[in-house]
C-alpha cells in the first residue's frame, strides 16, 4: 500500500534574499541580470520576491527572460514494525512563479521529481531514504505589453509570487511502521533584460553590484505527521 505524506502549510515569517546584478555587453545590445537566491524553501510554502524593473532611461528593452532553478532534497526516515521494508520515498515537487504584472501568461512552473534508490530496512530498525534532483525552466517575453509592464524608472520594482508545493510517496512492500523526515527545495529566480542603449546614454562597464531586496514570505511553516500505518 502506498502512503502519501503532505508536508507544510503557510505560516507567517519574513525572509531576506540577496540579489546579484550584472551588466554584460553583447554587440549592439546590453544585458542586465538579477538573481534572487531564496535558499531552502519547505514544500507547501509561498514567498513573495521583489525584483527591479528595467530602467527605461538606459535604453529600449528588447526582450526579458525569467529563469527558475531548483534542487529538491528529501530525507525520509522509516521504522518498519511488522517486517523488513524494501522500497523508497519519492518526492514530486512543483515550483510556480506568478508575475501578476504580466497580464498575459504570468505563470512559470518547474516540476522536479526526486526518486532515491531502493533501500532495505530491517524489522524494528530505523533507516533513512535520501535523494535529490535538480531542474530549471526559462520563459522569454518580447511582446510590447510585457516589455512596457517590466519597464520603469530607476528604483521601480515588481513582485513575483513563488509557491513551492509537492508530495512525498512511500513505495515498498506492505509493512506497518512510522516515518518522518525533511523535504525542501533550494530555489533561485533570475531575471534578464536585453536592451539597446540610447545613442546618448553612457554604456556601463561590465560589473557586478550586490544589493539586498526583500523577499517577503507568506510563510515557511512545515507540518508533518509523526507516524502513519503503511
Protein backbone atom coordinates (compact mmCIF):
# COMPACT_ATOMS: atom_id res chain seq x y z
CA UNK A 1 0.00 0.00 0.00
CA UNK A 2 1.28 3.46 -0.81
CA UNK A 3 1.41 6.14 1.84
CA UNK A 4 1.26 9.84 0.92
CA UNK A 5 2.76 12.47 3.16
CA UNK A 6 1.78 16.08 2.65
CA UNK A 7 4.35 18.48 4.00
CA UNK A 8 3.80 22.06 5.13
CA UNK A 9 1.23 24.82 5.46
CA UNK A 10 1.72 28.56 5.16
CA UNK A 11 2.61 30.40 8.37
CA UNK A 12 3.90 33.95 8.79
CA UNK A 13 7.53 34.99 8.55
CA UNK A 14 9.77 37.40 6.70
CA UNK A 15 12.97 36.43 4.89
CA UNK A 16 15.66 38.35 3.03
CA UNK A 17 17.26 37.41 -0.27
CA UNK A 18 20.45 38.66 -1.93
CA UNK A 19 20.01 40.00 -5.46
CA UNK A 20 23.03 39.92 -7.75
CA UNK A 21 23.07 42.47 -10.56
CA UNK A 22 25.32 42.01 -13.62
CA UNK A 23 25.89 44.03 -16.79
CA UNK A 24 27.34 42.48 -19.94
CA UNK A 25 28.00 43.83 -23.43
CA UNK A 26 26.95 41.82 -26.48
CA UNK A 27 27.42 43.55 -29.87
CA UNK A 28 24.98 46.48 -30.03
CA UNK A 29 22.91 45.28 -27.07
CA UNK A 30 23.44 45.13 -23.32
CA UNK A 31 22.01 42.74 -20.75
CA UNK A 32 21.19 43.19 -17.08
CA UNK A 33 20.86 40.09 -14.90
CA UNK A 34 19.24 39.94 -11.45
CA UNK A 35 19.39 36.72 -9.43
CA UNK A 36 17.50 36.07 -6.19
CA UNK A 37 18.73 33.13 -4.12
CA UNK A 38 15.80 32.04 -1.96
CA UNK A 39 17.75 29.33 -0.18
CA UNK A 40 15.89 26.36 1.24
CA UNK A 41 12.09 26.50 0.93
CA UNK A 42 9.90 23.82 2.57
CA UNK A 43 7.24 22.18 0.47
CA UNK A 44 3.79 23.75 0.55
CA UNK A 45 5.02 27.25 1.30
CA UNK A 46 4.82 30.54 -0.59
CA UNK A 47 7.05 33.59 -0.79
CA UNK A 48 6.89 36.99 -2.45
CA UNK A 49 10.05 38.13 -4.28
CA UNK A 50 10.77 41.77 -5.12
CA UNK A 51 12.72 42.36 -8.35
CA UNK A 52 13.79 45.63 -10.04
CA UNK A 53 12.16 46.75 -13.25
CA UNK A 54 14.24 47.69 -16.27
CA UNK A 55 15.35 51.34 -16.11
CA UNK A 56 13.98 52.79 -19.36
CA UNK A 57 16.43 55.69 -19.12
CA UNK A 58 19.18 53.25 -20.14
CA UNK A 59 17.68 52.32 -23.48
CA UNK A 60 14.97 50.35 -25.26
CA UNK A 61 14.04 46.99 -23.74
CA UNK A 62 14.08 44.32 -26.45
CA UNK A 63 13.46 41.11 -24.53
CA UNK A 64 13.13 39.83 -20.97
CA UNK A 65 13.82 36.37 -19.59
CA UNK A 66 12.79 34.70 -16.33
CA UNK A 67 14.52 31.50 -15.17
CA UNK A 68 13.65 29.28 -12.21
CA UNK A 69 16.21 26.77 -10.95
CA UNK A 70 15.61 24.42 -8.05
CA UNK A 71 17.14 21.41 -6.31
CA UNK A 72 14.70 19.25 -4.35
CA UNK A 73 16.17 17.34 -1.39
CA UNK A 74 14.27 14.67 0.52
CA UNK A 75 15.38 12.68 3.56
CA UNK A 76 12.74 10.35 4.98
CA UNK A 77 13.24 8.05 7.99
CA UNK A 78 11.33 4.77 8.07
CA UNK A 79 10.93 2.35 11.01
CA UNK A 80 9.20 -0.91 9.97
CA UNK A 81 7.48 -2.76 12.84
CA UNK A 82 5.96 -5.89 11.29
CA UNK A 83 8.56 -6.97 8.74
CA UNK A 84 11.53 -5.87 6.70
CA UNK A 85 10.98 -2.87 4.44
CA UNK A 86 12.25 -2.71 0.87
CA UNK A 87 11.39 0.40 -1.08
CA UNK A 88 11.96 4.11 -1.46
CA UNK A 89 10.39 7.54 -0.89
CA UNK A 90 9.85 9.74 -3.95
CA UNK A 91 9.08 13.44 -3.88
CA UNK A 92 7.26 15.19 -6.72
CA UNK A 93 7.67 18.95 -6.30
CA UNK A 94 6.33 21.91 -8.26
CA UNK A 95 7.80 25.42 -8.12
CA UNK A 96 5.46 28.00 -9.63
CA UNK A 97 6.27 31.68 -10.21
CA UNK A 98 3.41 34.12 -10.73
CA UNK A 99 4.12 37.64 -12.02
CA UNK A 100 0.77 39.47 -11.77
CA UNK A 101 2.27 42.47 -13.57
CA UNK A 102 2.26 40.40 -16.76
CA UNK A 103 -1.39 40.11 -17.71
CA UNK A 104 -0.68 37.61 -20.49
CA UNK A 105 0.97 34.31 -19.50
CA UNK A 106 2.08 35.39 -16.00
CA UNK A 107 2.87 31.92 -14.59
CA UNK A 108 6.07 29.90 -14.97
CA UNK A 109 6.15 26.37 -13.49
CA UNK A 110 9.01 23.96 -12.82
CA UNK A 111 8.40 20.30 -11.90
CA UNK A 112 11.12 18.22 -10.21
CA UNK A 113 10.97 14.54 -9.23
CA UNK A 114 13.38 13.25 -6.58
CA UNK A 115 13.48 9.43 -6.66
CA UNK A 116 16.12 7.88 -4.35
CA UNK A 117 17.38 4.32 -4.97
CA UNK A 118 15.63 1.41 -3.28
CA UNK A 119 16.61 0.88 0.36
CA UNK A 120 16.31 -2.15 2.66
CA UNK A 121 15.46 -1.58 6.34
CA UNK A 122 15.27 -4.44 8.84
CA UNK A 123 12.21 -5.00 11.03
CA UNK A 124 12.44 -2.85 14.17
CA UNK A 125 15.34 -0.80 12.86
CA UNK A 126 15.32 2.76 11.54
CA UNK A 127 16.70 3.70 8.15
CA UNK A 128 16.82 6.83 6.01
CA UNK A 129 15.89 7.17 2.37
CA UNK A 130 17.59 10.24 0.86
CA UNK A 131 17.82 11.72 -2.61
CA UNK A 132 17.82 14.92 -4.63
CA UNK A 133 17.03 16.15 -8.12
CA UNK A 134 17.51 19.44 -9.96
CA UNK A 135 15.79 21.22 -12.81
CA UNK A 136 15.31 24.59 -14.48
CA UNK A 137 12.82 26.29 -16.75
CA UNK A 138 13.06 29.54 -18.74
CA UNK A 139 10.44 31.78 -20.26
CA UNK A 140 11.03 34.78 -22.54
CA UNK A 141 8.88 37.87 -23.01
CA UNK A 142 9.03 40.10 -26.08
CA UNK A 143 5.50 41.41 -26.56
CA UNK A 144 5.12 45.17 -26.30
CA UNK A 145 2.63 44.75 -23.47
CA UNK A 146 5.04 42.67 -21.39
CA UNK A 147 8.07 44.87 -22.09
CA UNK A 148 6.14 48.01 -21.15
CA UNK A 149 4.98 46.41 -17.89
CA UNK A 150 8.55 45.41 -16.98
CA UNK A 151 9.98 48.87 -17.74
CA UNK A 152 10.05 51.84 -15.39
CA UNK A 153 12.23 54.40 -13.72
CA UNK A 154 15.39 53.73 -11.75
CA UNK A 155 14.36 52.08 -8.47
CA UNK A 156 10.99 50.79 -9.66
CA UNK A 157 10.23 47.19 -8.68
CA UNK A 158 7.67 44.45 -9.23
CA UNK A 159 6.55 41.45 -7.18
CA UNK A 160 6.75 37.81 -8.21
CA UNK A 161 4.95 35.23 -6.11
CA UNK A 162 6.71 31.89 -5.70
CA UNK A 163 4.85 28.80 -4.46
CA UNK A 164 6.57 25.51 -3.66
CA UNK A 165 4.27 22.50 -3.43
CA UNK A 166 4.76 18.76 -3.50
CA UNK A 167 4.03 15.30 -2.22
CA UNK A 168 6.22 12.54 -0.78
CA UNK A 169 5.18 8.99 -1.59
CA UNK A 170 6.44 5.95 0.35
CA UNK A 171 6.72 2.97 -2.02
CA UNK A 172 7.58 -0.55 -0.87
CA UNK A 173 6.37 -3.88 0.43
CA UNK A 174 3.42 -3.55 2.85
CA UNK A 175 4.52 -3.19 6.46
CA UNK A 176 3.32 -1.25 9.48
CA UNK A 177 5.69 1.36 10.86
CA UNK A 178 6.39 5.03 11.27
CA UNK A 179 8.11 7.65 9.19
CA UNK A 180 9.22 11.25 9.34
CA UNK A 181 11.71 13.46 7.57
CA UNK A 182 12.55 16.69 5.83
CA UNK A 183 11.80 17.73 2.26
CA UNK A 184 12.82 21.11 0.85
CA UNK A 185 13.70 22.91 -2.38
CA UNK A 186 16.69 25.21 -2.90
CA UNK A 187 15.46 27.73 -5.45
CA UNK A 188 16.86 30.70 -7.39
CA UNK A 189 14.91 33.14 -9.55
CA UNK A 190 16.73 35.05 -12.30
CA UNK A 191 15.52 37.94 -14.46
CA UNK A 192 17.45 39.11 -17.52
CA UNK A 193 16.83 42.32 -19.51
CA UNK A 194 18.23 42.56 -23.04
CA UNK A 195 18.18 46.11 -24.33
CA UNK A 196 19.58 48.56 -26.86
CA UNK A 197 21.18 51.59 -25.22
CA UNK A 198 20.15 55.09 -26.19
CA UNK A 199 22.56 56.82 -28.54
CA UNK A 200 23.41 59.44 -25.94
CA UNK A 201 23.45 57.05 -22.98
CA UNK A 202 26.71 56.10 -21.31
CA UNK A 203 27.49 52.40 -21.70
CA UNK A 204 28.09 50.88 -18.26
CA UNK A 205 31.29 48.94 -17.75
CA UNK A 206 30.81 45.20 -17.20
CA UNK A 207 30.38 44.92 -13.46
CA UNK A 208 28.65 43.12 -10.65
CA UNK A 209 26.78 45.00 -7.96
CA UNK A 210 25.22 43.25 -4.99
CA UNK A 211 22.22 44.67 -3.22
CA UNK A 212 19.60 43.34 -0.91
CA UNK A 213 15.94 43.07 -1.79
CA UNK A 214 13.14 41.88 0.39
CA UNK A 215 11.59 38.51 -0.22
CA UNK A 216 8.52 38.90 1.97
CA UNK A 217 7.33 35.38 2.68
CA UNK A 218 3.77 34.40 3.35
CA UNK A 219 5.25 31.67 5.46
CA UNK A 220 7.71 28.90 5.99
CA UNK A 221 5.97 26.53 8.32
CA UNK A 222 6.11 22.79 7.74
CA UNK A 223 3.73 20.39 9.36
CA UNK A 224 4.12 16.65 9.07
CA UNK A 225 2.58 13.62 10.66
CA UNK A 226 4.88 11.78 13.03
CA UNK A 227 3.52 8.39 12.09
CA UNK A 228 1.10 6.60 9.79
CA UNK A 229 0.24 3.00 9.03
CA UNK A 230 1.79 1.75 5.82
